[in-house]
């Protein structure tokens, strides 16, 4: 059983890590400490992502047929649709015969999914994909993209999955994902 002091220390360290990640993402000051005037306020800042379980459906986006794991994923999404995402070690689980521990996909994309309300007042899911971003065999990728978000956009989630080299950004009905925001 964890002591109360250890529990609070864990919470404190986690909070410091999240705040440091958010500050690094927003670029509040240049190397001389000057405000760059181009601050981005993220409505969603995250420091954890979780690999998929095969065939799990998140808002019409289906987990790939094989399990994927991720070493680290963090980023942020602004209300203006600016998405910054750093993915490290997004690879097939070691249990996948012959290719486990590697990323065989040359391009990743992000999908931002949220619940919105249509013109008749009905709730609906909206999914918006980025274009392709290069990913290496170790599963490393940086995504810096602009996505169009609906207003309102309730409960946004960010997913990472495969992209064709010629895929175009925009609204999609759903896609395949390897990792998603969460723990």
C-alpha atoms as a PDB file:
ATOM      1  CA  UNK A   1       0.000   0.000   0.000  1.00  0.00           C
ATOM      2  CA  UNK A   2       1.362   3.429  -0.989  1.00  0.00           C
ATOM      3  CA  UNK A   3       1.778   5.998   1.777  1.00  0.00           C
ATOM      4  CA  UNK A   4      -0.078   9.293   1.542  1.00  0.00           C
ATOM      5  CA  UNK A   5       3.219  11.185   1.258  1.00  0.00           C
ATOM      6  CA  UNK A   6       4.385   9.023  -1.690  1.00  0.00           C
ATOM      7  CA  UNK A   7       1.000   9.410  -3.374  1.00  0.00           C
ATOM      8  CA  UNK A   8       1.096  13.219  -3.102  1.00  0.00           C
ATOM      9  CA  UNK A   9       4.714  13.261  -4.315  1.00  0.00           C
ATOM     10  CA  UNK A  10       3.633  11.263  -7.374  1.00  0.00           C
ATOM     11  CA  UNK A  11       0.802  13.724  -8.048  1.00  0.00           C
ATOM     12  CA  UNK A  12       3.197  16.667  -7.668  1.00  0.00           C
ATOM     13  CA  UNK A  13       5.766  15.185 -10.054  1.00  0.00           C
ATOM     14  CA  UNK A  14       3.077  14.333 -12.617  1.00  0.00           C
ATOM     15  CA  UNK A  15       1.692  17.881 -12.432  1.00  0.00           C
ATOM     16  CA  UNK A  16       5.161  19.379 -12.889  1.00  0.00           C
ATOM     17  CA  UNK A  17       5.723  17.147 -15.930  1.00  0.00           C
ATOM     18  CA  UNK A  18       2.413  18.126 -17.532  1.00  0.00           C
ATOM     19  CA  UNK A  19       3.068  21.832 -16.919  1.00  0.00           C
ATOM     20  CA  UNK A  20       6.581  21.561 -18.356  1.00  0.00           C
ATOM     21  CA  UNK A  21       5.211  19.806 -21.460  1.00  0.00           C
ATOM     22  CA  UNK A  22       2.521  22.446 -21.911  1.00  0.00           C
ATOM     23  CA  UNK A  23       5.052  25.268 -21.546  1.00  0.00           C
ATOM     24  CA  UNK A  24       7.382  23.641 -24.069  1.00  0.00           C
ATOM     25  CA  UNK A  25       4.494  23.250 -26.525  1.00  0.00           C
ATOM     26  CA  UNK A  26       3.226  26.810 -26.229  1.00  0.00           C
ATOM     27  CA  UNK A  27       6.629  28.421 -26.865  1.00  0.00           C
ATOM     28  CA  UNK A  28       5.979  31.225 -24.386  1.00  0.00           C
ATOM     29  CA  UNK A  29       9.402  32.855 -24.724  1.00  0.00           C
ATOM     30  CA  UNK A  30      12.424  32.799 -26.986  1.00  0.00           C
ATOM     31  CA  UNK A  31      15.907  31.805 -25.808  1.00  0.00           C
ATOM     32  CA  UNK A  32      16.435  35.296 -24.368  1.00  0.00           C
ATOM     33  CA  UNK A  33      13.266  35.083 -22.294  1.00  0.00           C
ATOM     34  CA  UNK A  34      11.309  37.457 -24.546  1.00  0.00           C
ATOM     35  CA  UNK A  35       7.657  36.803 -25.267  1.00  0.00           C
ATOM     36  CA  UNK A  36       7.415  35.890 -28.950  1.00  0.00           C
ATOM     37  CA  UNK A  37       3.859  37.237 -29.222  1.00  0.00           C
ATOM     38  CA  UNK A  38       2.744  34.015 -30.924  1.00  0.00           C
ATOM     39  CA  UNK A  39       1.427  32.121 -27.919  1.00  0.00           C
ATOM     40  CA  UNK A  40      -0.915  29.218 -28.519  1.00  0.00           C
ATOM     41  CA  UNK A  41      -3.425  28.307 -25.853  1.00  0.00           C
ATOM     42  CA  UNK A  42      -4.188  24.609 -25.976  1.00  0.00           C
ATOM     43  CA  UNK A  43      -7.687  23.387 -25.121  1.00  0.00           C
ATOM     44  CA  UNK A  44      -6.239  19.891 -24.894  1.00  0.00           C
ATOM     45  CA  UNK A  45      -2.691  19.292 -23.705  1.00  0.00           C
ATOM     46  CA  UNK A  46      -1.609  15.728 -23.083  1.00  0.00           C
ATOM     47  CA  UNK A  47       1.511  13.915 -22.009  1.00  0.00           C
ATOM     48  CA  UNK A  48       0.313  10.329 -22.395  1.00  0.00           C
ATOM     49  CA  UNK A  49      -0.940   8.175 -25.217  1.00  0.00           C
ATOM     50  CA  UNK A  50      -1.842   4.514 -25.200  1.00  0.00           C
ATOM     51  CA  UNK A  51      -1.327   1.871 -27.874  1.00  0.00           C
ATOM     52  CA  UNK A  52      -4.375   0.230 -29.383  1.00  0.00           C
ATOM     53  CA  UNK A  53      -6.204  -2.933 -28.598  1.00  0.00           C
ATOM     54  CA  UNK A  54      -7.197  -4.520 -31.912  1.00  0.00           C
ATOM     55  CA  UNK A  55     -10.611  -3.525 -33.285  1.00  0.00           C
ATOM     56  CA  UNK A  56     -11.515  -1.102 -30.463  1.00  0.00           C
ATOM     57  CA  UNK A  57     -13.866   1.584 -31.830  1.00  0.00           C
ATOM     58  CA  UNK A  58     -13.373   5.209 -30.766  1.00  0.00           C
ATOM     59  CA  UNK A  59     -15.979   7.409 -32.460  1.00  0.00           C
ATOM     60  CA  UNK A  60     -15.955   5.353 -35.653  1.00  0.00           C
ATOM     61  CA  UNK A  61     -12.164   5.023 -35.714  1.00  0.00           C
ATOM     62  CA  UNK A  62     -11.163   1.366 -35.450  1.00  0.00           C
ATOM     63  CA  UNK A  63      -8.019   0.056 -33.746  1.00  0.00           C
ATOM     64  CA  UNK A  64      -5.680  -1.745 -36.160  1.00  0.00           C
ATOM     65  CA  UNK A  65      -5.975  -5.539 -36.377  1.00  0.00           C
ATOM     66  CA  UNK A  66      -2.661  -6.082 -34.561  1.00  0.00           C
ATOM     67  CA  UNK A  67      -1.711  -4.580 -31.174  1.00  0.00           C
ATOM     68  CA  UNK A  68       0.517  -1.482 -31.119  1.00  0.00           C
ATOM     69  CA  UNK A  69       2.471   0.002 -28.212  1.00  0.00           C
ATOM     70  CA  UNK A  70       3.857   3.504 -27.724  1.00  0.00           C
ATOM     71  CA  UNK A  71       6.841   4.601 -25.640  1.00  0.00           C
ATOM     72  CA  UNK A  72       5.855   8.281 -25.450  1.00  0.00           C
ATOM     73  CA  UNK A  73       3.316  10.616 -27.009  1.00  0.00           C
ATOM     74  CA  UNK A  74       2.552  14.175 -26.062  1.00  0.00           C
ATOM     75  CA  UNK A  75       1.105  17.267 -27.629  1.00  0.00           C
ATOM     76  CA  UNK A  76      -1.614  19.842 -27.689  1.00  0.00           C
ATOM     77  CA  UNK A  77      -4.637  21.030 -29.633  1.00  0.00           C
ATOM     78  CA  UNK A  78      -5.772  24.663 -29.752  1.00  0.00           C
ATOM     79  CA  UNK A  79      -9.340  25.852 -30.202  1.00  0.00           C
ATOM     80  CA  UNK A  80      -8.200  27.211 -33.577  1.00  0.00           C
ATOM     81  CA  UNK A  81      -7.276  23.658 -34.665  1.00  0.00           C
ATOM     82  CA  UNK A  82      -3.498  23.888 -34.299  1.00  0.00           C
ATOM     83  CA  UNK A  83      -2.226  20.395 -33.496  1.00  0.00           C
ATOM     84  CA  UNK A  84       1.278  19.651 -32.268  1.00  0.00           C
ATOM     85  CA  UNK A  85       2.109  16.032 -31.578  1.00  0.00           C
ATOM     86  CA  UNK A  86       5.350  14.242 -30.742  1.00  0.00           C
ATOM     87  CA  UNK A  87       5.263  10.456 -31.081  1.00  0.00           C
ATOM     88  CA  UNK A  88       8.122   8.214 -29.922  1.00  0.00           C
ATOM     89  CA  UNK A  89       8.310   4.435 -30.189  1.00  0.00           C
ATOM     90  CA  UNK A  90       4.929   3.707 -31.789  1.00  0.00           C
ATOM     91  CA  UNK A  91       5.533   0.128 -32.928  1.00  0.00           C
ATOM     92  CA  UNK A  92       3.805  -3.210 -33.273  1.00  0.00           C
ATOM     93  CA  UNK A  93       3.717  -5.119 -29.981  1.00  0.00           C
ATOM     94  CA  UNK A  94       6.555  -7.612 -29.525  1.00  0.00           C
ATOM     95  CA  UNK A  95       3.958 -10.414 -29.602  1.00  0.00           C
ATOM     96  CA  UNK A  96       3.387  -9.836 -33.352  1.00  0.00           C
ATOM     97  CA  UNK A  97       5.445 -12.562 -35.108  1.00  0.00           C
ATOM     98  CA  UNK A  98       8.290 -11.427 -37.345  1.00  0.00           C
ATOM     99  CA  UNK A  99       7.674  -7.667 -37.101  1.00  0.00           C
ATOM    100  CA  UNK A 100       7.016  -7.020 -33.402  1.00  0.00           C
ATOM    101  CA  UNK A 101       8.967  -4.073 -32.007  1.00  0.00           C
ATOM    102  CA  UNK A 102       9.074  -2.238 -35.356  1.00  0.00           C
ATOM    103  CA  UNK A 103       6.991   0.245 -37.312  1.00  0.00           C
ATOM    104  CA  UNK A 104       6.408  -0.974 -40.894  1.00  0.00           C
ATOM    105  CA  UNK A 105       4.332   2.125 -41.824  1.00  0.00           C
ATOM    106  CA  UNK A 106       6.203   4.989 -43.564  1.00  0.00           C
ATOM    107  CA  UNK A 107       3.645   7.711 -42.718  1.00  0.00           C
ATOM    108  CA  UNK A 108       1.460   8.502 -39.720  1.00  0.00           C
ATOM    109  CA  UNK A 109      -1.436  10.927 -39.482  1.00  0.00           C
ATOM    110  CA  UNK A 110      -3.411  12.291 -36.583  1.00  0.00           C
ATOM    111  CA  UNK A 111      -7.170  12.165 -36.283  1.00  0.00           C
ATOM    112  CA  UNK A 112      -8.952  14.610 -33.991  1.00  0.00           C
ATOM    113  CA  UNK A 113     -12.359  13.278 -32.984  1.00  0.00           C
ATOM    114  CA  UNK A 114     -15.033  15.007 -30.940  1.00  0.00           C
ATOM    115  CA  UNK A 115     -18.766  15.193 -30.389  1.00  0.00           C
ATOM    116  CA  UNK A 116     -20.566  18.148 -31.912  1.00  0.00           C
ATOM    117  CA  UNK A 117     -24.094  19.339 -32.639  1.00  0.00           C
ATOM    118  CA  UNK A 118     -25.513  19.590 -36.173  1.00  0.00           C
ATOM    119  CA  UNK A 119     -27.806  22.321 -37.514  1.00  0.00           C
ATOM    120  CA  UNK A 120     -30.899  20.483 -36.235  1.00  0.00           C
ATOM    121  CA  UNK A 121     -29.533  20.193 -32.689  1.00  0.00           C
ATOM    122  CA  UNK A 122     -28.614  16.503 -32.948  1.00  0.00           C
ATOM    123  CA  UNK A 123     -25.352  15.244 -31.488  1.00  0.00           C
ATOM    124  CA  UNK A 124     -22.932  13.703 -33.949  1.00  0.00           C
ATOM    125  CA  UNK A 125     -19.291  12.645 -34.083  1.00  0.00           C
ATOM    126  CA  UNK A 126     -16.817  14.633 -36.157  1.00  0.00           C
ATOM    127  CA  UNK A 127     -13.424  13.207 -37.241  1.00  0.00           C
ATOM    128  CA  UNK A 128     -10.729  15.348 -38.846  1.00  0.00           C
ATOM    129  CA  UNK A 129      -7.488  13.885 -40.218  1.00  0.00           C
ATOM    130  CA  UNK A 130      -4.162  15.537 -40.923  1.00  0.00           C
ATOM    131  CA  UNK A 131      -2.114  14.812 -43.997  1.00  0.00           C
ATOM    132  CA  UNK A 132       0.787  12.317 -43.846  1.00  0.00           C
ATOM    133  CA  UNK A 133       3.904  12.862 -41.716  1.00  0.00           C
ATOM    134  CA  UNK A 134       7.060  10.712 -42.066  1.00  0.00           C
ATOM    135  CA  UNK A 135       7.548   8.011 -39.436  1.00  0.00           C
ATOM    136  CA  UNK A 136      10.722   5.994 -39.011  1.00  0.00           C
ATOM    137  CA  UNK A 137      11.103   2.265 -38.334  1.00  0.00           C
ATOM    138  CA  UNK A 138      11.405   3.014 -34.596  1.00  0.00           C
ATOM    139  CA  UNK A 139       7.945   4.634 -34.641  1.00  0.00           C
ATOM    140  CA  UNK A 140       9.090   8.241 -34.220  1.00  0.00           C
ATOM    141  CA  UNK A 141       7.109  11.058 -35.822  1.00  0.00           C
ATOM    142  CA  UNK A 142       6.396  14.755 -35.301  1.00  0.00           C
ATOM    143  CA  UNK A 143       3.053  16.129 -36.437  1.00  0.00           C
ATOM    144  CA  UNK A 144       2.523  19.877 -36.701  1.00  0.00           C
ATOM    145  CA  UNK A 145      -0.753  20.494 -38.497  1.00  0.00           C
ATOM    146  CA  UNK A 146      -3.859  22.607 -38.762  1.00  0.00           C
ATOM    147  CA  UNK A 147      -7.234  20.836 -38.550  1.00  0.00           C
ATOM    148  CA  UNK A 148     -10.705  22.313 -38.954  1.00  0.00           C
ATOM    149  CA  UNK A 149     -12.721  21.829 -35.785  1.00  0.00           C
ATOM    150  CA  UNK A 150     -16.487  22.090 -35.404  1.00  0.00           C
ATOM    151  CA  UNK A 151     -18.011  24.461 -32.874  1.00  0.00           C
ATOM    152  CA  UNK A 152     -18.837  23.017 -30.402  1.00  0.00           C
ATOM    153  CA  UNK A 153     -16.196  20.283 -30.123  1.00  0.00           C
ATOM    154  CA  UNK A 154     -16.900  18.299 -26.936  1.00  0.00           C
ATOM    155  CA  UNK A 155     -14.425  15.792 -25.512  1.00  0.00           C
ATOM    156  CA  UNK A 156     -11.728  15.915 -28.194  1.00  0.00           C
ATOM    157  CA  UNK A 157      -9.490  12.871 -28.501  1.00  0.00           C
ATOM    158  CA  UNK A 158      -6.351  12.625 -30.640  1.00  0.00           C
ATOM    159  CA  UNK A 159      -5.511   9.362 -32.398  1.00  0.00           C
ATOM    160  CA  UNK A 160      -2.478   8.387 -34.484  1.00  0.00           C
ATOM    161  CA  UNK A 161      -2.686   5.909 -37.326  1.00  0.00           C
ATOM    162  CA  UNK A 162      -1.417   5.064 -40.789  1.00  0.00           C
ATOM    163  CA  UNK A 163      -1.533   7.498 -43.702  1.00  0.00           C
ATOM    164  CA  UNK A 164      -1.091   7.045 -47.403  1.00  0.00           C
ATOM    165  CA  UNK A 165       1.704   9.191 -48.853  1.00  0.00           C
ATOM    166  CA  UNK A 166      -0.832  11.118 -50.936  1.00  0.00           C
ATOM    167  CA  UNK A 167      -3.615  11.432 -48.339  1.00  0.00           C
ATOM    168  CA  UNK A 168      -5.192  14.841 -47.930  1.00  0.00           C
ATOM    169  CA  UNK A 169      -6.280  16.444 -44.680  1.00  0.00           C
ATOM    170  CA  UNK A 170      -9.935  16.982 -43.900  1.00  0.00           C
ATOM    171  CA  UNK A 171     -13.090  15.526 -42.433  1.00  0.00           C
ATOM    172  CA  UNK A 172     -13.369  11.729 -42.532  1.00  0.00           C
ATOM    173  CA  UNK A 173     -16.033   9.274 -41.402  1.00  0.00           C
ATOM    174  CA  UNK A 174     -13.437   7.267 -39.479  1.00  0.00           C
ATOM    175  CA  UNK A 175     -10.014   5.730 -39.806  1.00  0.00           C
ATOM    176  CA  UNK A 176      -7.587   3.220 -38.385  1.00  0.00           C
ATOM    177  CA  UNK A 177      -5.644   4.070 -35.243  1.00  0.00           C
ATOM    178  CA  UNK A 178      -2.500   2.742 -33.514  1.00  0.00           C
ATOM    179  CA  UNK A 179      -2.442   5.027 -30.437  1.00  0.00           C
ATOM    180  CA  UNK A 180      -4.823   7.470 -28.733  1.00  0.00           C
ATOM    181  CA  UNK A 181      -4.744  10.049 -25.981  1.00  0.00           C
ATOM    182  CA  UNK A 182      -5.326   8.298 -22.692  1.00  0.00           C
ATOM    183  CA  UNK A 183      -3.509   6.155 -20.163  1.00  0.00           C
END
